[in-house]
Amino acid sequence: MMTMEDLELGGVLISKDGLMRMAKDKKLTKDAHALLLHLIGILEHLNYFYSDLDQISETLEMTPLEIARSLKTLSDLRYITPKGLFGKADLYRMSPHIAWKGTMEDYDEEFGLEF
């Protein structure tokens, strides 16, 4: 069982409902699904991540175009939200209904909800 300490040390809380949504989502392509799982693995504090297309495409053995298309699909389906630029990379935020990287206090402060 994950504890508060685990989350503060780099763990990610994954929503059971979010996993069920992903499993049943017919619009989620194989590439977008693989990318979504990868993005959960690289989440930063408060669910932010930036897209380094070359690095992600190398890791997932996909082309940068396939990554860009999958990011668009995930954004259109509201799994992620574009948040501007981080240097030269696009900054995104993962839906907290899928996964959460941060403390429970952060979550409550951001969304006014408790797990």
N, C-alpha and C. Protein backbone atom coordinates (compact mmCIF):
# COMPACT_ATOMS: atom_id res chain seq x y z
N MET A 1 0.85 -1.18 0.00
CA MET A 1 0.00 0.00 0.00
C MET A 1 0.89 1.24 0.00
N MET A 2 0.56 2.20 -0.84
CA MET A 2 1.34 3.43 -0.93
C MET A 2 1.00 4.34 0.24
N THR A 3 2.03 4.95 0.80
CA THR A 3 1.85 5.86 1.93
C THR A 3 2.13 7.28 1.48
N MET A 4 1.82 8.23 2.35
CA MET A 4 2.13 9.64 2.07
C MET A 4 3.62 9.80 1.82
N GLU A 5 4.44 9.09 2.58
CA GLU A 5 5.89 9.19 2.41
C GLU A 5 6.32 8.74 1.02
N ASP A 6 5.69 7.68 0.50
CA ASP A 6 6.00 7.20 -0.84
C ASP A 6 5.74 8.28 -1.88
N LEU A 7 4.60 8.98 -1.76
CA LEU A 7 4.26 10.04 -2.71
C LEU A 7 5.29 11.14 -2.66
N GLU A 8 5.74 11.48 -1.46
CA GLU A 8 6.72 12.56 -1.32
C GLU A 8 8.09 12.14 -1.83
N LEU A 9 8.36 10.83 -1.91
CA LEU A 9 9.65 10.34 -2.37
C LEU A 9 9.66 10.00 -3.86
N GLY A 10 8.59 10.29 -4.56
CA GLY A 10 8.60 10.06 -6.00
C GLY A 10 7.54 9.12 -6.51
N GLY A 11 6.69 8.62 -5.64
CA GLY A 11 5.62 7.75 -6.07
C GLY A 11 4.53 8.53 -6.79
N VAL A 12 3.71 7.80 -7.51
CA VAL A 12 2.58 8.39 -8.22
C VAL A 12 1.34 7.62 -7.79
N LEU A 13 0.32 8.34 -7.40
CA LEU A 13 -0.96 7.73 -7.06
C LEU A 13 -1.76 7.60 -8.34
N ILE A 14 -2.23 6.39 -8.64
CA ILE A 14 -2.97 6.15 -9.87
C ILE A 14 -4.43 5.86 -9.50
N SER A 15 -5.33 6.50 -10.21
CA SER A 15 -6.76 6.36 -9.94
C SER A 15 -7.30 5.07 -10.57
N LYS A 16 -8.00 4.29 -9.77
CA LYS A 16 -8.63 3.08 -10.27
C LYS A 16 -9.67 3.44 -11.34
N ASP A 17 -10.44 4.49 -11.10
CA ASP A 17 -11.42 4.93 -12.09
C ASP A 17 -10.72 5.40 -13.37
N GLY A 18 -9.58 6.06 -13.22
CA GLY A 18 -8.81 6.49 -14.37
C GLY A 18 -8.32 5.32 -15.20
N LEU A 19 -7.87 4.26 -14.53
CA LEU A 19 -7.43 3.07 -15.25
C LEU A 19 -8.59 2.41 -16.00
N MET A 20 -9.75 2.39 -15.37
CA MET A 20 -10.92 1.81 -16.04
C MET A 20 -11.31 2.65 -17.25
N ARG A 21 -11.22 3.97 -17.11
CA ARG A 21 -11.52 4.85 -18.25
C ARG A 21 -10.58 4.57 -19.40
N MET A 22 -9.27 4.46 -19.09
CA MET A 22 -8.29 4.18 -20.13
C MET A 22 -8.57 2.84 -20.81
N ALA A 23 -8.90 1.83 -20.03
CA ALA A 23 -9.13 0.48 -20.57
C ALA A 23 -10.33 0.44 -21.51
N LYS A 24 -11.35 1.25 -21.23
CA LYS A 24 -12.58 1.21 -22.02
C LYS A 24 -12.64 2.25 -23.13
N ASP A 25 -11.69 3.17 -23.18
CA ASP A 25 -11.73 4.28 -24.13
C ASP A 25 -11.37 3.80 -25.53
N LYS A 26 -12.36 3.66 -26.39
CA LYS A 26 -12.15 3.18 -27.76
C LYS A 26 -11.43 4.20 -28.63
N LYS A 27 -11.41 5.48 -28.21
CA LYS A 27 -10.73 6.52 -28.98
C LYS A 27 -9.24 6.60 -28.65
N LEU A 28 -8.82 5.89 -27.63
CA LEU A 28 -7.42 5.90 -27.21
C LEU A 28 -6.65 4.89 -28.06
N THR A 29 -5.85 5.40 -28.99
CA THR A 29 -5.09 4.52 -29.89
C THR A 29 -4.01 3.78 -29.12
N LYS A 30 -3.48 2.75 -29.74
CA LYS A 30 -2.39 1.98 -29.12
C LYS A 30 -1.21 2.89 -28.81
N ASP A 31 -0.84 3.75 -29.75
CA ASP A 31 0.28 4.67 -29.53
C ASP A 31 -0.01 5.66 -28.41
N ALA A 32 -1.24 6.21 -28.38
CA ALA A 32 -1.60 7.16 -27.33
C ALA A 32 -1.63 6.48 -25.96
N HIS A 33 -2.09 5.24 -25.93
CA HIS A 33 -2.10 4.49 -24.67
C HIS A 33 -0.68 4.27 -24.16
N ALA A 34 0.21 3.85 -25.04
CA ALA A 34 1.61 3.65 -24.64
C ALA A 34 2.22 4.96 -24.16
N LEU A 35 1.94 6.04 -24.86
CA LEU A 35 2.48 7.34 -24.46
C LEU A 35 1.91 7.77 -23.11
N LEU A 36 0.63 7.56 -22.89
CA LEU A 36 0.01 7.93 -21.62
C LEU A 36 0.67 7.21 -20.45
N LEU A 37 0.91 5.92 -20.61
CA LEU A 37 1.59 5.16 -19.56
C LEU A 37 3.00 5.70 -19.31
N HIS A 38 3.69 6.03 -20.39
CA HIS A 38 5.03 6.61 -20.26
C HIS A 38 4.97 7.94 -19.52
N LEU A 39 4.01 8.77 -19.87
CA LEU A 39 3.90 10.09 -19.25
C LEU A 39 3.60 9.99 -17.76
N ILE A 40 2.78 9.02 -17.37
CA ILE A 40 2.54 8.80 -15.95
C ILE A 40 3.85 8.50 -15.24
N GLY A 41 4.72 7.76 -15.91
CA GLY A 41 6.02 7.41 -15.34
C GLY A 41 6.99 8.56 -15.20
N ILE A 42 6.79 9.63 -15.99
CA ILE A 42 7.73 10.76 -15.93
C ILE A 42 7.11 12.01 -15.31
N LEU A 43 5.94 11.86 -14.70
CA LEU A 43 5.29 13.03 -14.09
C LEU A 43 6.19 13.72 -13.10
N GLU A 44 6.12 15.03 -13.09
CA GLU A 44 6.79 15.83 -12.10
C GLU A 44 5.76 16.32 -11.09
N HIS A 45 6.22 17.06 -10.10
CA HIS A 45 5.36 17.56 -9.03
C HIS A 45 4.13 18.28 -9.58
N LEU A 46 2.98 18.00 -9.01
CA LEU A 46 1.68 18.59 -9.38
C LEU A 46 1.24 18.22 -10.79
N ASN A 47 1.74 17.06 -11.27
CA ASN A 47 1.30 16.47 -12.54
C ASN A 47 1.81 17.17 -13.79
N TYR A 48 2.84 17.97 -13.69
CA TYR A 48 3.39 18.61 -14.88
C TYR A 48 4.42 17.71 -15.54
N PHE A 49 4.54 17.84 -16.84
CA PHE A 49 5.62 17.19 -17.60
C PHE A 49 5.82 18.00 -18.87
N TYR A 50 7.00 17.90 -19.45
CA TYR A 50 7.25 18.58 -20.72
C TYR A 50 7.58 17.53 -21.76
N SER A 51 7.27 17.88 -23.00
CA SER A 51 7.43 16.92 -24.08
C SER A 51 8.73 17.16 -24.83
N ASP A 52 9.65 16.26 -24.65
CA ASP A 52 10.86 16.22 -25.46
C ASP A 52 10.62 15.13 -26.48
N LEU A 53 10.10 15.53 -27.65
CA LEU A 53 9.66 14.56 -28.65
C LEU A 53 10.74 13.56 -29.03
N ASP A 54 11.97 14.05 -29.19
CA ASP A 54 13.06 13.15 -29.59
C ASP A 54 13.35 12.11 -28.52
N GLN A 55 13.41 12.55 -27.27
CA GLN A 55 13.71 11.62 -26.17
C GLN A 55 12.57 10.60 -26.00
N ILE A 56 11.34 11.08 -26.01
CA ILE A 56 10.20 10.17 -25.84
C ILE A 56 10.11 9.21 -27.02
N SER A 57 10.31 9.72 -28.23
CA SER A 57 10.21 8.84 -29.40
C SER A 57 11.29 7.76 -29.38
N GLU A 58 12.47 8.11 -28.90
CA GLU A 58 13.55 7.12 -28.78
C GLU A 58 13.18 6.06 -27.74
N THR A 59 12.67 6.51 -26.60
CA THR A 59 12.31 5.58 -25.53
C THR A 59 11.20 4.63 -25.96
N LEU A 60 10.18 5.16 -26.64
CA LEU A 60 9.02 4.34 -27.03
C LEU A 60 9.17 3.72 -28.42
N GLU A 61 10.28 4.02 -29.08
CA GLU A 61 10.53 3.51 -30.43
C GLU A 61 9.39 3.88 -31.38
N MET A 62 9.03 5.16 -31.31
CA MET A 62 8.02 5.75 -32.18
C MET A 62 8.65 6.98 -32.83
N THR A 63 8.06 7.46 -33.91
CA THR A 63 8.59 8.66 -34.55
C THR A 63 8.11 9.90 -33.79
N PRO A 64 8.84 11.02 -33.90
CA PRO A 64 8.35 12.26 -33.28
C PRO A 64 6.95 12.64 -33.76
N LEU A 65 6.63 12.35 -35.02
CA LEU A 65 5.29 12.64 -35.54
C LEU A 65 4.24 11.79 -34.83
N GLU A 66 4.55 10.52 -34.59
CA GLU A 66 3.61 9.66 -33.87
C GLU A 66 3.41 10.16 -32.44
N ILE A 67 4.48 10.64 -31.81
CA ILE A 67 4.38 11.19 -30.46
C ILE A 67 3.52 12.45 -30.48
N ALA A 68 3.77 13.34 -31.44
CA ALA A 68 2.99 14.57 -31.54
C ALA A 68 1.50 14.27 -31.76
N ARG A 69 1.20 13.31 -32.62
CA ARG A 69 -0.20 12.93 -32.86
C ARG A 69 -0.83 12.35 -31.59
N SER A 70 -0.07 11.54 -30.88
CA SER A 70 -0.58 10.93 -29.65
C SER A 70 -0.80 11.98 -28.57
N LEU A 71 0.09 12.96 -28.48
CA LEU A 71 -0.12 14.06 -27.53
C LEU A 71 -1.40 14.81 -27.85
N LYS A 72 -1.65 15.03 -29.14
CA LYS A 72 -2.89 15.71 -29.57
C LYS A 72 -4.11 14.87 -29.19
N THR A 73 -4.03 13.58 -29.43
CA THR A 73 -5.14 12.69 -29.06
C THR A 73 -5.40 12.74 -27.56
N LEU A 74 -4.33 12.66 -26.76
CA LEU A 74 -4.49 12.71 -25.30
C LEU A 74 -5.06 14.04 -24.84
N SER A 75 -4.66 15.11 -25.50
CA SER A 75 -5.20 16.43 -25.17
C SER A 75 -6.68 16.52 -25.56
N ASP A 76 -7.01 16.06 -26.76
CA ASP A 76 -8.39 16.10 -27.23
C ASP A 76 -9.31 15.28 -26.32
N LEU A 77 -8.79 14.18 -25.78
CA LEU A 77 -9.57 13.30 -24.90
C LEU A 77 -9.50 13.74 -23.44
N ARG A 78 -8.78 14.81 -23.18
CA ARG A 78 -8.67 15.44 -21.86
C ARG A 78 -7.92 14.60 -20.82
N TYR A 79 -7.00 13.76 -21.30
CA TYR A 79 -6.11 13.06 -20.38
C TYR A 79 -5.00 14.00 -19.93
N ILE A 80 -4.62 14.92 -20.83
CA ILE A 80 -3.59 15.92 -20.54
C ILE A 80 -4.10 17.29 -21.01
N THR A 81 -3.49 18.34 -20.46
CA THR A 81 -3.86 19.71 -20.82
C THR A 81 -2.59 20.48 -21.16
N PRO A 82 -2.52 21.12 -22.35
CA PRO A 82 -1.36 21.96 -22.67
C PRO A 82 -1.31 23.16 -21.72
N LYS A 83 -0.09 23.51 -21.28
CA LYS A 83 0.07 24.62 -20.33
C LYS A 83 1.09 25.65 -20.80
N GLY A 84 1.45 25.66 -22.08
CA GLY A 84 2.41 26.64 -22.59
C GLY A 84 3.76 26.00 -22.88
N LEU A 85 4.80 26.81 -22.74
CA LEU A 85 6.15 26.34 -23.03
C LEU A 85 7.00 26.25 -21.78
N PHE A 86 7.92 25.29 -21.78
CA PHE A 86 8.94 25.14 -20.75
C PHE A 86 10.26 25.18 -21.51
N GLY A 87 10.87 26.37 -21.60
CA GLY A 87 12.01 26.53 -22.50
C GLY A 87 11.50 26.42 -23.92
N LYS A 88 12.03 25.44 -24.67
CA LYS A 88 11.57 25.21 -26.03
C LYS A 88 10.59 24.04 -26.13
N ALA A 89 10.34 23.39 -25.00
CA ALA A 89 9.44 22.23 -25.00
C ALA A 89 8.03 22.63 -24.56
N ASP A 90 7.06 21.89 -25.06
CA ASP A 90 5.68 22.11 -24.64
C ASP A 90 5.48 21.56 -23.23
N LEU A 91 4.79 22.33 -22.40
CA LEU A 91 4.48 21.93 -21.02
C LEU A 91 3.04 21.45 -20.98
N TYR A 92 2.83 20.34 -20.30
CA TYR A 92 1.50 19.75 -20.16
C TYR A 92 1.26 19.42 -18.69
N ARG A 93 -0.02 19.17 -18.39
CA ARG A 93 -0.39 18.71 -17.07
C ARG A 93 -1.33 17.52 -17.22
N MET A 94 -1.02 16.44 -16.51
CA MET A 94 -1.84 15.23 -16.52
C MET A 94 -3.12 15.48 -15.72
N SER A 95 -4.22 14.92 -16.18
CA SER A 95 -5.48 15.01 -15.43
C SER A 95 -5.30 14.34 -14.07
N PRO A 96 -5.71 15.00 -12.99
CA PRO A 96 -5.60 14.38 -11.67
C PRO A 96 -6.58 13.21 -11.51
N HIS A 97 -7.49 13.03 -12.46
CA HIS A 97 -8.41 11.90 -12.40
C HIS A 97 -7.76 10.62 -12.94
N ILE A 98 -6.56 10.77 -13.51
CA ILE A 98 -5.80 9.63 -14.01
C ILE A 98 -4.70 9.26 -13.01
N ALA A 99 -3.90 10.24 -12.63
CA ALA A 99 -2.79 10.00 -11.71
C ALA A 99 -2.49 11.30 -10.96
N TRP A 100 -1.77 11.18 -9.85
CA TRP A 100 -1.40 12.36 -9.07
C TRP A 100 0.01 12.19 -8.54
N LYS A 101 0.84 13.22 -8.79
CA LYS A 101 2.21 13.27 -8.26
C LYS A 101 2.30 14.54 -7.41
N GLY A 102 2.28 14.35 -6.13
CA GLY A 102 2.32 15.46 -5.18
C GLY A 102 1.75 14.97 -3.87
N THR A 103 1.70 15.85 -2.92
CA THR A 103 1.16 15.46 -1.62
C THR A 103 -0.37 15.55 -1.64
N MET A 104 -0.98 14.94 -0.68
CA MET A 104 -2.44 15.02 -0.56
C MET A 104 -2.86 16.45 -0.21
N GLU A 105 -2.01 17.15 0.53
CA GLU A 105 -2.29 18.56 0.84
C GLU A 105 -2.30 19.38 -0.46
N ASP A 106 -1.36 19.09 -1.36
CA ASP A 106 -1.33 19.77 -2.66
C ASP A 106 -2.62 19.51 -3.43
N TYR A 107 -3.04 18.26 -3.43
CA TYR A 107 -4.25 17.88 -4.15
C TYR A 107 -5.46 18.63 -3.60
N ASP A 108 -5.59 18.63 -2.28
CA ASP A 108 -6.72 19.31 -1.65
C ASP A 108 -6.69 20.81 -1.94
N GLU A 109 -5.49 21.39 -1.91
CA GLU A 109 -5.34 22.82 -2.19
C GLU A 109 -5.70 23.15 -3.64
N GLU A 110 -5.28 22.31 -4.57
CA GLU A 110 -5.53 22.54 -5.99
C GLU A 110 -7.01 22.34 -6.36
N PHE A 111 -7.63 21.30 -5.80
CA PHE A 111 -8.94 20.88 -6.29
C PHE A 111 -10.04 20.93 -5.23
N GLY A 112 -9.67 21.19 -3.97
CA GLY A 112 -10.66 21.27 -2.92
C GLY A 112 -11.34 19.94 -2.65
N LEU A 113 -10.67 18.86 -2.98
CA LEU A 113 -11.22 17.53 -2.78
C LEU A 113 -10.26 16.71 -1.95
N GLU A 114 -10.74 15.68 -1.35
CA GLU A 114 -9.89 14.78 -0.60
C GLU A 114 -10.04 13.38 -1.17
N PHE A 115 -8.95 12.59 -1.12
CA PHE A 115 -9.02 11.18 -1.54
C PHE A 115 -9.70 10.40 -0.44
